[in-house]
PDB file of N, CA and C in Angstrom:
ATOM      1  N   MET A   1     -19.755 -33.251  18.583  1.00  0.00           N
ATOM      2  CA  MET A   1     -18.640 -32.344  18.577  1.00  0.00           C
ATOM      3  C   MET A   1     -18.254 -32.049  17.135  1.00  0.00           C
ATOM      4  N   THR A   2     -18.094 -30.765  16.810  1.00  0.00           N
ATOM      5  CA  THR A   2     -17.713 -30.374  15.454  1.00  0.00           C
ATOM      6  C   THR A   2     -16.248 -29.974  15.426  1.00  0.00           C
ATOM      7  N   THR A   3     -15.639 -30.185  14.284  1.00  0.00           N
ATOM      8  CA  THR A   3     -14.238 -29.792  14.151  1.00  0.00           C
ATOM      9  C   THR A   3     -14.150 -28.350  13.665  1.00  0.00           C
ATOM     10  N   SER A   4     -13.125 -27.686  14.083  1.00  0.00           N
ATOM     11  CA  SER A   4     -12.906 -26.303  13.688  1.00  0.00           C
ATOM     12  C   SER A   4     -12.218 -26.252  12.334  1.00  0.00           C
ATOM     13  N   ASN A   5     -12.689 -25.378  11.464  1.00  0.00           N
ATOM     14  CA  ASN A   5     -12.032 -25.185  10.178  1.00  0.00           C
ATOM     15  C   ASN A   5     -10.637 -24.608  10.356  1.00  0.00           C
ATOM     16  N   ALA A   6     -10.409 -23.873  11.426  1.00  0.00           N
ATOM     17  CA  ALA A   6      -9.097 -23.267  11.667  1.00  0.00           C
ATOM     18  C   ALA A   6      -8.019 -24.337  11.796  1.00  0.00           C
ATOM     19  N   ALA A   7      -8.388 -25.506  12.289  1.00  0.00           N
ATOM     20  CA  ALA A   7      -7.414 -26.568  12.494  1.00  0.00           C
ATOM     21  C   ALA A   7      -6.941 -27.178  11.178  1.00  0.00           C
ATOM     22  N   ILE A   8      -7.750 -27.055  10.120  1.00  0.00           N
ATOM     23  CA  ILE A   8      -7.363 -27.678   8.867  1.00  0.00           C
ATOM     24  C   ILE A   8      -6.953 -26.676   7.789  1.00  0.00           C
ATOM     25  N   ARG A   9      -7.051 -25.385   8.072  1.00  0.00           N
ATOM     26  CA  ARG A   9      -6.627 -24.385   7.101  1.00  0.00           C
ATOM     27  C   ARG A   9      -5.105 -24.345   7.029  1.00  0.00           C
ATOM     28  N   PRO A  10      -4.573 -24.270   5.815  1.00  0.00           N
ATOM     29  CA  PRO A  10      -3.118 -24.147   5.718  1.00  0.00           C
ATOM     30  C   PRO A  10      -2.693 -22.757   6.174  1.00  0.00           C
ATOM     31  N   SER A  11      -1.545 -22.671   6.811  1.00  0.00           N
ATOM     32  CA  SER A  11      -1.079 -21.358   7.253  1.00  0.00           C
ATOM     33  C   SER A  11      -0.538 -20.599   6.047  1.00  0.00           C
ATOM     34  N   ARG A  12      -0.684 -19.288   6.103  1.00  0.00           N
ATOM     35  CA  ARG A  12      -0.233 -18.448   5.005  1.00  0.00           C
ATOM     36  C   ARG A  12       1.224 -18.091   5.249  1.00  0.00           C
ATOM     37  N   THR A  13       2.101 -18.706   4.494  1.00  0.00           N
ATOM     38  CA  THR A  13       3.521 -18.470   4.713  1.00  0.00           C
ATOM     39  C   THR A  13       4.150 -17.615   3.625  1.00  0.00           C
ATOM     40  N   CYS A  14       3.515 -17.465   2.503  1.00  0.00           N
ATOM     41  CA  CYS A  14       4.104 -16.634   1.466  1.00  0.00           C
ATOM     42  C   CYS A  14       3.410 -15.268   1.450  1.00  0.00           C
ATOM     43  N   THR A  15       4.184 -14.278   1.106  1.00  0.00           N
ATOM     44  CA  THR A  15       3.692 -12.910   1.079  1.00  0.00           C
ATOM     45  C   THR A  15       2.988 -12.659  -0.252  1.00  0.00           C
ATOM     46  N   PRO A  16       1.754 -12.136  -0.227  1.00  0.00           N
ATOM     47  CA  PRO A  16       1.083 -11.814  -1.491  1.00  0.00           C
ATOM     48  C   PRO A  16       1.909 -10.796  -2.288  1.00  0.00           C
ATOM     49  N   GLU A  17       1.870 -10.922  -3.586  1.00  0.00           N
ATOM     50  CA  GLU A  17       2.636 -10.023  -4.459  1.00  0.00           C
ATOM     51  C   GLU A  17       2.270  -8.561  -4.217  1.00  0.00           C
ATOM     52  N   SER A  18       1.011  -8.285  -3.921  1.00  0.00           N
ATOM     53  CA  SER A  18       0.604  -6.900  -3.680  1.00  0.00           C
ATOM     54  C   SER A  18       1.322  -6.310  -2.464  1.00  0.00           C
ATOM     55  N   LEU A  19       1.506  -7.117  -1.409  1.00  0.00           N
ATOM     56  CA  LEU A  19       2.210  -6.611  -0.225  1.00  0.00           C
ATOM     57  C   LEU A  19       3.706  -6.492  -0.479  1.00  0.00           C
ATOM     58  N   ARG A  20       4.243  -7.348  -1.327  1.00  0.00           N
ATOM     59  CA  ARG A  20       5.657  -7.189  -1.722  1.00  0.00           C
ATOM     60  C   ARG A  20       5.843  -5.877  -2.471  1.00  0.00           C
ATOM     61  N   THR A  21       4.921  -5.592  -3.363  1.00  0.00           N
ATOM     62  CA  THR A  21       4.985  -4.340  -4.120  1.00  0.00           C
ATOM     63  C   THR A  21       4.863  -3.147  -3.189  1.00  0.00           C
ATOM     64  N   LEU A  22       3.889  -3.197  -2.280  1.00  0.00           N
ATOM     65  CA  LEU A  22       3.726  -2.111  -1.313  1.00  0.00           C
ATOM     66  C   LEU A  22       4.983  -1.950  -0.476  1.00  0.00           C
ATOM     67  N   ALA A  23       5.569  -3.049  -0.042  1.00  0.00           N
ATOM     68  CA  ALA A  23       6.798  -2.993   0.763  1.00  0.00           C
ATOM     69  C   ALA A  23       7.921  -2.313  -0.004  1.00  0.00           C
ATOM     70  N   GLY A  24       8.032  -2.590  -1.290  1.00  0.00           N
ATOM     71  CA  GLY A  24       9.052  -1.941  -2.110  1.00  0.00           C
ATOM     72  C   GLY A  24       8.867  -0.432  -2.147  1.00  0.00           C
ATOM     73  N   TYR A  25       7.635   0.005  -2.298  1.00  0.00           N
ATOM     74  CA  TYR A  25       7.356   1.445  -2.305  1.00  0.00           C
ATOM     75  C   TYR A  25       7.561   2.050  -0.908  1.00  0.00           C
ATOM     76  N   LEU A  26       7.208   1.296   0.137  1.00  0.00           N
ATOM     77  CA  LEU A  26       7.450   1.788   1.495  1.00  0.00           C
ATOM     78  C   LEU A  26       8.944   1.977   1.744  1.00  0.00           C
ATOM     79  N   GLU A  27       9.771   1.091   1.201  1.00  0.00           N
ATOM     80  CA  GLU A  27      11.228   1.240   1.331  1.00  0.00           C
ATOM     81  C   GLU A  27      11.692   2.541   0.680  1.00  0.00           C
ATOM     82  N   LEU A  28      11.174   2.833  -0.518  1.00  0.00           N
ATOM     83  CA  LEU A  28      11.512   4.100  -1.178  1.00  0.00           C
ATOM     84  C   LEU A  28      11.104   5.290  -0.320  1.00  0.00           C
ATOM     85  N   ALA A  29       9.890   5.216   0.224  1.00  0.00           N
ATOM     86  CA  ALA A  29       9.390   6.311   1.054  1.00  0.00           C
ATOM     87  C   ALA A  29      10.226   6.463   2.318  1.00  0.00           C
ATOM     88  N   LEU A  30      10.609   5.355   2.924  1.00  0.00           N
ATOM     89  CA  LEU A  30      11.443   5.406   4.132  1.00  0.00           C
ATOM     90  C   LEU A  30      12.788   6.057   3.838  1.00  0.00           C
ATOM     91  N   ASP A  31      13.383   5.722   2.696  1.00  0.00           N
ATOM     92  CA  ASP A  31      14.675   6.295   2.320  1.00  0.00           C
ATOM     93  C   ASP A  31      14.611   7.809   2.185  1.00  0.00           C
ATOM     94  N   GLU A  32      13.468   8.310   1.738  1.00  0.00           N
ATOM     95  CA  GLU A  32      13.314   9.739   1.496  1.00  0.00           C
ATOM     96  C   GLU A  32      12.571  10.463   2.614  1.00  0.00           C
ATOM     97  N   GLY A  33      12.086   9.725   3.613  1.00  0.00           N
ATOM     98  CA  GLY A  33      11.307  10.346   4.680  1.00  0.00           C
ATOM     99  C   GLY A  33       9.981  10.892   4.184  1.00  0.00           C
ATOM    100  N   LYS A  34       9.366  10.196   3.239  1.00  0.00           N
ATOM    101  CA  LYS A  34       8.129  10.645   2.593  1.00  0.00           C
ATOM    102  C   LYS A  34       7.043   9.580   2.713  1.00  0.00           C
ATOM    103  N   SER A  35       5.996   9.747   1.925  1.00  0.00           N
ATOM    104  CA  SER A  35       4.866   8.821   1.894  1.00  0.00           C
ATOM    105  C   SER A  35       4.708   8.226   0.500  1.00  0.00           C
ATOM    106  N   VAL A  36       3.966   7.134   0.420  1.00  0.00           N
ATOM    107  CA  VAL A  36       3.592   6.517  -0.843  1.00  0.00           C
ATOM    108  C   VAL A  36       2.170   6.971  -1.155  1.00  0.00           C
ATOM    109  N   VAL A  37       1.962   7.477  -2.362  1.00  0.00           N
ATOM    110  CA  VAL A  37       0.654   7.979  -2.781  1.00  0.00           C
ATOM    111  C   VAL A  37       0.201   7.157  -3.982  1.00  0.00           C
ATOM    112  N   VAL A  38      -0.990   6.566  -3.897  1.00  0.00           N
ATOM    113  CA  VAL A  38      -1.531   5.753  -4.986  1.00  0.00           C
ATOM    114  C   VAL A  38      -2.762   6.458  -5.540  1.00  0.00           C
ATOM    115  N   MET A  39      -2.730   6.729  -6.861  1.00  0.00           N
ATOM    116  CA  MET A  39      -3.803   7.489  -7.514  1.00  0.00           C
ATOM    117  C   MET A  39      -4.370   6.714  -8.694  1.00  0.00           C
ATOM    118  N   ARG A  40      -5.683   6.702  -8.791  1.00  0.00           N
ATOM    119  CA  ARG A  40      -6.354   6.042  -9.920  1.00  0.00           C
ATOM    120  C   ARG A  40      -6.138   6.887 -11.174  1.00  0.00           C
ATOM    121  N   VAL A  41      -5.748   6.210 -12.265  1.00  0.00           N
ATOM    122  CA  VAL A  41      -5.558   6.902 -13.540  1.00  0.00           C
ATOM    123  C   VAL A  41      -6.357   6.244 -14.662  1.00  0.00           C
ATOM    124  N   GLY A  42      -7.283   5.426 -14.314  1.00  0.00           N
ATOM    125  CA  GLY A  42      -8.101   4.696 -15.281  1.00  0.00           C
ATOM    126  C   GLY A  42      -8.621   3.439 -14.626  1.00  0.00           C
ATOM    127  N   LYS A  43      -9.161   2.563 -15.434  1.00  0.00           N
ATOM    128  CA  LYS A  43      -9.716   1.331 -14.873  1.00  0.00           C
ATOM    129  C   LYS A  43      -8.666   0.250 -14.665  1.00  0.00           C
ATOM    130  N   GLN A  44      -7.565   0.309 -15.396  1.00  0.00           N
ATOM    131  CA  GLN A  44      -6.599  -0.790 -15.384  1.00  0.00           C
ATOM    132  C   GLN A  44      -5.370  -0.573 -14.510  1.00  0.00           C
ATOM    133  N   VAL A  45      -4.963   0.680 -14.281  1.00  0.00           N
ATOM    134  CA  VAL A  45      -3.723   0.937 -13.547  1.00  0.00           C
ATOM    135  C   VAL A  45      -3.898   2.063 -12.533  1.00  0.00           C
ATOM    136  N   ARG A  46      -2.964   2.079 -11.584  1.00  0.00           N
ATOM    137  CA  ARG A  46      -2.891   3.137 -10.574  1.00  0.00           C
ATOM    138  C   ARG A  46      -1.468   3.689 -10.602  1.00  0.00           C
ATOM    139  N   SER A  47      -1.348   5.012 -10.583  1.00  0.00           N
ATOM    140  CA  SER A  47      -0.029   5.650 -10.510  1.00  0.00           C
ATOM    141  C   SER A  47       0.432   5.657  -9.068  1.00  0.00           C
ATOM    142  N   VAL A  48       1.737   5.465  -8.886  1.00  0.00           N
ATOM    143  CA  VAL A  48       2.321   5.474  -7.553  1.00  0.00           C
ATOM    144  C   VAL A  48       3.363   6.596  -7.507  1.00  0.00           C
ATOM    145  N   TYR A  49       3.248   7.414  -6.476  1.00  0.00           N
ATOM    146  CA  TYR A  49       4.164   8.520  -6.270  1.00  0.00           C
ATOM    147  C   TYR A  49       4.779   8.400  -4.879  1.00  0.00           C
ATOM    148  N   VAL A  50       5.946   8.990  -4.707  1.00  0.00           N
ATOM    149  CA  VAL A  50       6.554   9.105  -3.393  1.00  0.00           C
ATOM    150  C   VAL A  50       6.776  10.587  -3.147  1.00  0.00           C
ATOM    151  N   GLY A  51       6.360  11.039  -1.974  1.00  0.00           N
ATOM    152  CA  GLY A  51       6.532  12.450  -1.644  1.00  0.00           C
ATOM    153  C   GLY A  51       5.643  12.866  -0.499  1.00  0.00           C
ATOM    154  N   ASN A  52       5.498  14.174  -0.374  1.00  0.00           N
ATOM    155  CA  ASN A  52       4.669  14.759   0.674  1.00  0.00           C
ATOM    156  C   ASN A  52       3.259  14.955   0.115  1.00  0.00           C
ATOM    157  N   PRO A  53       2.279  14.207   0.602  1.00  0.00           N
ATOM    158  CA  PRO A  53       0.938  14.277   0.037  1.00  0.00           C
ATOM    159  C   PRO A  53       0.199  15.589   0.331  1.00  0.00           C
ATOM    160  N   SER A  54       0.763  16.438   1.178  1.00  0.00           N
ATOM    161  CA  SER A  54       0.091  17.713   1.443  1.00  0.00           C
ATOM    162  C   SER A  54       0.495  18.774   0.428  1.00  0.00           C
ATOM    163  N   GLY A  55       1.442  18.447  -0.465  1.00  0.00           N
ATOM    164  CA  GLY A  55       1.867  19.381  -1.501  1.00  0.00           C
ATOM    165  C   GLY A  55       1.086  19.173  -2.790  1.00  0.00           C
ATOM    166  N   ALA A  56       1.602  19.781  -3.844  1.00  0.00           N
ATOM    167  CA  ALA A  56       0.974  19.667  -5.163  1.00  0.00           C
ATOM    168  C   ALA A  56       1.408  18.373  -5.840  1.00  0.00           C
ATOM    169  N   LEU A  57       0.614  17.919  -6.790  1.00  0.00           N
ATOM    170  CA  LEU A  57       0.919  16.703  -7.535  1.00  0.00           C
ATOM    171  C   LEU A  57       2.284  16.820  -8.219  1.00  0.00           C
ATOM    172  N   GLU A  58       2.615  17.990  -8.707  1.00  0.00           N
ATOM    173  CA  GLU A  58       3.888  18.209  -9.392  1.00  0.00           C
ATOM    174  C   GLU A  58       5.081  18.025  -8.464  1.00  0.00           C
ATOM    175  N   ASP A  59       4.867  18.130  -7.154  1.00  0.00           N
ATOM    176  CA  ASP A  59       5.954  17.978  -6.192  1.00  0.00           C
ATOM    177  C   ASP A  59       6.235  16.524  -5.821  1.00  0.00           C
ATOM    178  N   LEU A  60       5.353  15.612  -6.246  1.00  0.00           N
ATOM    179  CA  LEU A  60       5.538  14.195  -5.951  1.00  0.00           C
ATOM    180  C   LEU A  60       6.426  13.555  -7.017  1.00  0.00           C
ATOM    181  N   THR A  61       7.205  12.567  -6.622  1.00  0.00           N
ATOM    182  CA  THR A  61       8.059  11.835  -7.554  1.00  0.00           C
ATOM    183  C   THR A  61       7.283  10.657  -8.124  1.00  0.00           C
ATOM    184  N   ASP A  62       7.147  10.617  -9.445  1.00  0.00           N
ATOM    185  CA  ASP A  62       6.466   9.510 -10.114  1.00  0.00           C
ATOM    186  C   ASP A  62       7.332   8.267  -9.950  1.00  0.00           C
ATOM    187  N   SER A  63       6.777   7.243  -9.303  1.00  0.00           N
ATOM    188  CA  SER A  63       7.562   6.049  -8.985  1.00  0.00           C
ATOM    189  C   SER A  63       7.084   4.801  -9.702  1.00  0.00           C
ATOM    190  N   GLY A  64       6.121   4.930 -10.609  1.00  0.00           N
ATOM    191  CA  GLY A  64       5.677   3.778 -11.372  1.00  0.00           C
ATOM    192  C   GLY A  64       4.174   3.602 -11.354  1.00  0.00           C
ATOM    193  N   VAL A  65       3.748   2.446 -11.797  1.00  0.00           N
ATOM    194  CA  VAL A  65       2.326   2.098 -11.823  1.00  0.00           C
ATOM    195  C   VAL A  65       2.152   0.674 -11.314  1.00  0.00           C
ATOM    196  N   VAL A  66       0.974   0.411 -10.789  1.00  0.00           N
ATOM    197  CA  VAL A  66       0.578  -0.952 -10.437  1.00  0.00           C
ATOM    198  C   VAL A  66      -0.773  -1.208 -11.084  1.00  0.00           C
ATOM    199  N   ASP A  67      -1.039  -2.466 -11.411  1.00  0.00           N
ATOM    200  CA  ASP A  67      -2.334  -2.755 -12.012  1.00  0.00           C
ATOM    201  C   ASP A  67      -3.433  -2.625 -10.963  1.00  0.00           C
ATOM    202  N   ALA A  68      -4.634  -2.409 -11.425  1.00  0.00           N
ATOM    203  CA  ALA A  68      -5.766  -2.148 -10.538  1.00  0.00           C
ATOM    204  C   ALA A  68      -6.017  -3.301  -9.573  1.00  0.00           C
ATOM    205  N   PHE A  69      -5.888  -4.545 -10.052  1.00  0.00           N
ATOM    206  CA  PHE A  69      -6.109  -5.694  -9.173  1.00  0.00           C
ATOM    207  C   PHE A  69      -5.144  -5.669  -7.994  1.00  0.00           C
ATOM    208  N   GLN A  70      -3.864  -5.401  -8.278  1.00  0.00           N
ATOM    209  CA  GLN A  70      -2.858  -5.378  -7.223  1.00  0.00           C
ATOM    210  C   GLN A  70      -3.130  -4.238  -6.239  1.00  0.00           C
ATOM    211  N   ALA A  71      -3.498  -3.072  -6.751  1.00  0.00           N
ATOM    212  CA  ALA A  71      -3.813  -1.934  -5.875  1.00  0.00           C
ATOM    213  C   ALA A  71      -5.039  -2.245  -5.018  1.00  0.00           C
ATOM    214  N   ASP A  72      -6.046  -2.860  -5.611  1.00  0.00           N
ATOM    215  CA  ASP A  72      -7.239  -3.227  -4.837  1.00  0.00           C
ATOM    216  C   ASP A  72      -6.901  -4.235  -3.749  1.00  0.00           C
ATOM    217  N   GLU A  73      -6.003  -5.170  -4.051  1.00  0.00           N
ATOM    218  CA  GLU A  73      -5.603  -6.158  -3.055  1.00  0.00           C
ATOM    219  C   GLU A  73      -4.830  -5.495  -1.914  1.00  0.00           C
ATOM    220  N   MET A  74      -4.007  -4.491  -2.237  1.00  0.00           N
ATOM    221  CA  MET A  74      -3.314  -3.732  -1.183  1.00  0.00           C
ATOM    222  C   MET A  74      -4.325  -3.132  -0.210  1.00  0.00           C
ATOM    223  N   LEU A  75      -5.408  -2.609  -0.760  1.00  0.00           N
ATOM    224  CA  LEU A  75      -6.438  -2.006   0.083  1.00  0.00           C
ATOM    225  C   LEU A  75      -7.184  -3.059   0.894  1.00  0.00           C
ATOM    226  N   MET A  76      -7.423  -4.227   0.304  1.00  0.00           N
ATOM    227  CA  MET A  76      -8.116  -5.295   1.027  1.00  0.00           C
ATOM    228  C   MET A  76      -7.280  -5.840   2.178  1.00  0.00           C
ATOM    229  N   LEU A  77      -5.960  -5.849   2.014  1.00  0.00           N
ATOM    230  CA  LEU A  77      -5.080  -6.427   3.022  1.00  0.00           C
ATOM    231  C   LEU A  77      -4.584  -5.419   4.054  1.00  0.00           C
ATOM    232  N   THR A  78      -4.980  -4.156   3.900  1.00  0.00           N
ATOM    233  CA  THR A  78      -4.645  -3.113   4.869  1.00  0.00           C
ATOM    234  C   THR A  78      -5.933  -2.400   5.262  1.00  0.00           C
ATOM    235  N   CYS A  79      -5.834  -1.499   6.239  1.00  0.00           N
ATOM    236  CA  CYS A  79      -7.022  -0.765   6.670  1.00  0.00           C
ATOM    237  C   CYS A  79      -6.645   0.691   6.914  1.00  0.00           C
ATOM    238  N   LEU A  80      -7.661   1.537   6.997  1.00  0.00           N
ATOM    239  CA  LEU A  80      -7.402   2.930   7.354  1.00  0.00           C
ATOM    240  C   LEU A  80      -6.799   2.970   8.748  1.00  0.00           C
ATOM    241  N   GLY A  81      -5.854   3.863   8.950  1.00  0.00           N
ATOM    242  CA  GLY A  81      -5.207   3.979  10.249  1.00  0.00           C
ATOM    243  C   GLY A  81      -3.928   3.171  10.293  1.00  0.00           C
ATOM    244  N   LEU A  82      -3.531   2.782  11.495  1.00  0.00           N
ATOM    245  CA  LEU A  82      -2.264   2.089  11.730  1.00  0.00           C
ATOM    246  C   LEU A  82      -2.307   0.662  11.200  1.00  0.00           C
ATOM    247  N   ASN A  83      -1.250   0.289  10.497  1.00  0.00           N
ATOM    248  CA  ASN A  83      -1.112  -1.058   9.937  1.00  0.00           C
ATOM    249  C   ASN A  83       0.262  -1.615  10.276  1.00  0.00           C
ATOM    250  N   ARG A  84       0.309  -2.920  10.417  1.00  0.00           N
ATOM    251  CA  ARG A  84       1.568  -3.649  10.563  1.00  0.00           C
ATOM    252  C   ARG A  84       1.498  -4.829   9.611  1.00  0.00           C
ATOM    253  N   ILE A  85       2.487  -4.916   8.743  1.00  0.00           N
ATOM    254  CA  ILE A  85       2.544  -6.050   7.819  1.00  0.00           C
ATOM    255  C   ILE A  85       3.947  -6.633   7.844  1.00  0.00           C
ATOM    256  N   THR A  86       4.041  -7.867   7.403  1.00  0.00           N
ATOM    257  CA  THR A  86       5.330  -8.504   7.211  1.00  0.00           C
ATOM    258  C   THR A  86       5.378  -8.950   5.765  1.00  0.00           C
ATOM    259  N   ALA A  87       6.415  -8.503   5.068  1.00  0.00           N
ATOM    260  CA  ALA A  87       6.598  -8.887   3.672  1.00  0.00           C
ATOM    261  C   ALA A  87       7.960  -9.544   3.552  1.00  0.00           C
ATOM    262  N   ASP A  88       7.947 -10.842   3.274  1.00  0.00           N
ATOM    263  CA  ASP A  88       9.177 -11.620   3.140  1.00  0.00           C
ATOM    264  C   ASP A  88      10.103 -11.456   4.329  1.00  0.00           C
ATOM    265  N   GLY A  89       9.525 -11.508   5.522  1.00  0.00           N
ATOM    266  CA  GLY A  89      10.306 -11.462   6.748  1.00  0.00           C
ATOM    267  C   GLY A  89      10.618 -10.064   7.262  1.00  0.00           C
ATOM    268  N   GLN A  90      10.378  -9.024   6.473  1.00  0.00           N
ATOM    269  CA  GLN A  90      10.630  -7.645   6.899  1.00  0.00           C
ATOM    270  C   GLN A  90       9.331  -7.060   7.448  1.00  0.00           C
ATOM    271  N   HIS A  91       9.405  -6.410   8.602  1.00  0.00           N
ATOM    272  CA  HIS A  91       8.225  -5.830   9.241  1.00  0.00           C
ATOM    273  C   HIS A  91       8.097  -4.359   8.858  1.00  0.00           C
ATOM    274  N   TYR A  92       6.868  -3.940   8.598  1.00  0.00           N
ATOM    275  CA  TYR A  92       6.574  -2.547   8.243  1.00  0.00           C
ATOM    276  C   TYR A  92       5.421  -2.046   9.095  1.00  0.00           C
ATOM    277  N   ARG A  93       5.554  -0.810   9.536  1.00  0.00           N
ATOM    278  CA  ARG A  93       4.455  -0.109  10.225  1.00  0.00           C
ATOM    279  C   ARG A  93       4.182   1.153   9.429  1.00  0.00           C
ATOM    280  N   PHE A  94       2.898   1.405   9.163  1.00  0.00           N
ATOM    281  CA  PHE A  94       2.529   2.586   8.399  1.00  0.00           C
ATOM    282  C   PHE A  94       1.097   2.966   8.713  1.00  0.00           C
ATOM    283  N   VAL A  95       0.767   4.183   8.365  1.00  0.00           N
ATOM    284  CA  VAL A  95      -0.598   4.675   8.502  1.00  0.00           C
ATOM    285  C   VAL A  95      -1.169   4.812   7.098  1.00  0.00           C
ATOM    286  N   ARG A  96      -2.347   4.240   6.880  1.00  0.00           N
ATOM    287  CA  ARG A  96      -3.044   4.405   5.604  1.00  0.00           C
ATOM    288  C   ARG A  96      -4.112   5.457   5.796  1.00  0.00           C
ATOM    289  N   SER A  97      -4.140   6.414   4.877  1.00  0.00           N
ATOM    290  CA  SER A  97      -5.137   7.484   4.938  1.00  0.00           C
ATOM    291  C   SER A  97      -5.616   7.803   3.526  1.00  0.00           C
ATOM    292  N   VAL A  98      -6.608   8.661   3.455  1.00  0.00           N
ATOM    293  CA  VAL A  98      -7.169   9.092   2.179  1.00  0.00           C
ATOM    294  C   VAL A  98      -7.169  10.611   2.172  1.00  0.00           C
ATOM    295  N   ARG A  99      -6.837  11.177   1.032  1.00  0.00           N
ATOM    296  CA  ARG A  99      -6.883  12.641   0.892  1.00  0.00           C
ATOM    297  C   ARG A  99      -7.113  12.982  -0.572  1.00  0.00           C
ATOM    298  N   TYR A 100      -7.181  14.267  -0.862  1.00  0.00           N
ATOM    299  CA  TYR A 100      -7.363  14.727  -2.238  1.00  0.00           C
ATOM    300  C   TYR A 100      -6.133  15.499  -2.681  1.00  0.00           C
ATOM    301  N   ILE A 101      -5.659  15.191  -3.875  1.00  0.00           N
ATOM    302  CA  ILE A 101      -4.574  15.922  -4.510  1.00  0.00           C
ATOM    303  C   ILE A 101      -5.040  16.227  -5.927  1.00  0.00           C
ATOM    304  N   ALA A 102      -4.971  17.487  -6.309  1.00  0.00           N
ATOM    305  CA  ALA A 102      -5.404  17.900  -7.650  1.00  0.00           C
ATOM    306  C   ALA A 102      -6.828  17.418  -7.926  1.00  0.00           C
ATOM    307  N   ASP A 103      -7.698  17.570  -6.941  1.00  0.00           N
ATOM    308  CA  ASP A 103      -9.109  17.188  -7.050  1.00  0.00           C
ATOM    309  C   ASP A 103      -9.335  15.697  -7.309  1.00  0.00           C
ATOM    310  N   ARG A 104      -8.357  14.878  -6.969  1.00  0.00           N
ATOM    311  CA  ARG A 104      -8.503  13.429  -7.116  1.00  0.00           C
ATOM    312  C   ARG A 104      -8.253  12.774  -5.780  1.00  0.00           C
ATOM    313  N   GLN A 105      -9.075  11.790  -5.462  1.00  0.00           N
ATOM    314  CA  GLN A 105      -8.881  11.052  -4.218  1.00  0.00           C
ATOM    315  C   GLN A 105      -7.689  10.116  -4.373  1.00  0.00           C
ATOM    316  N   VAL A 106      -6.824  10.114  -3.365  1.00  0.00           N
ATOM    317  CA  VAL A 106      -5.654   9.243  -3.372  1.00  0.00           C
ATOM    318  C   VAL A 106      -5.584   8.485  -2.047  1.00  0.00           C
ATOM    319  N   VAL A 107      -4.886   7.364  -2.082  1.00  0.00           N
ATOM    320  CA  VAL A 107      -4.612   6.596  -0.867  1.00  0.00           C
ATOM    321  C   VAL A 107      -3.153   6.857  -0.514  1.00  0.00           C
ATOM    322  N   VAL A 108      -2.924   7.167   0.763  1.00  0.00           N
ATOM    323  CA  VAL A 108      -1.574   7.505   1.237  1.00  0.00           C
ATOM    324  C   VAL A 108      -1.129   6.471   2.252  1.00  0.00           C
ATOM    325  N   PHE A 109       0.069   5.939   2.055  1.00  0.00           N
ATOM    326  CA  PHE A 109       0.697   5.013   2.986  1.00  0.00           C
ATOM    327  C   PHE A 109       1.914   5.734   3.548  1.00  0.00           C
ATOM    328  N   THR A 110       1.876   6.065   4.838  1.00  0.00           N
ATOM    329  CA  THR A 110       2.956   6.810   5.469  1.00  0.00           C
ATOM    330  C   THR A 110       3.681   5.911   6.460  1.00  0.00           C
ATOM    331  N   PRO A 111       4.938   5.558   6.160  1.00  0.00           N
ATOM    332  CA  PRO A 111       5.702   4.712   7.102  1.00  0.00           C
ATOM    333  C   PRO A 111       5.953   5.438   8.409  1.00  0.00           C
ATOM    334  N   ILE A 112       5.937   4.674   9.519  1.00  0.00           N
ATOM    335  CA  ILE A 112       6.245   5.272  10.822  1.00  0.00           C
ATOM    336  C   ILE A 112       7.292   4.417  11.518  1.00  0.00           C
TER     337      ILE A 112
END
């Protein structure tokens, strides 16, 4: 009889910093009834905007930057389509999608 690794794995009780960051941006988007748009601007950072991703880049509100590692982790911990996450006890539901704005591929997180 073999033992299951699941029985000895520690449970994940703390929220990864990347999901805390995403949750903060989702809160901004929820307040405005908009989406979070993450765009690559180089190798080290990603720009984050809040707004309607079907409009022009100039119509989005610049909401800051996240480092590439954190943005990549957001993508690893979420998937295309419907997502449900819990960040520090708060539950979020959103749809992750991909689109092009100003000829650049962006990742869109739309709270529902």
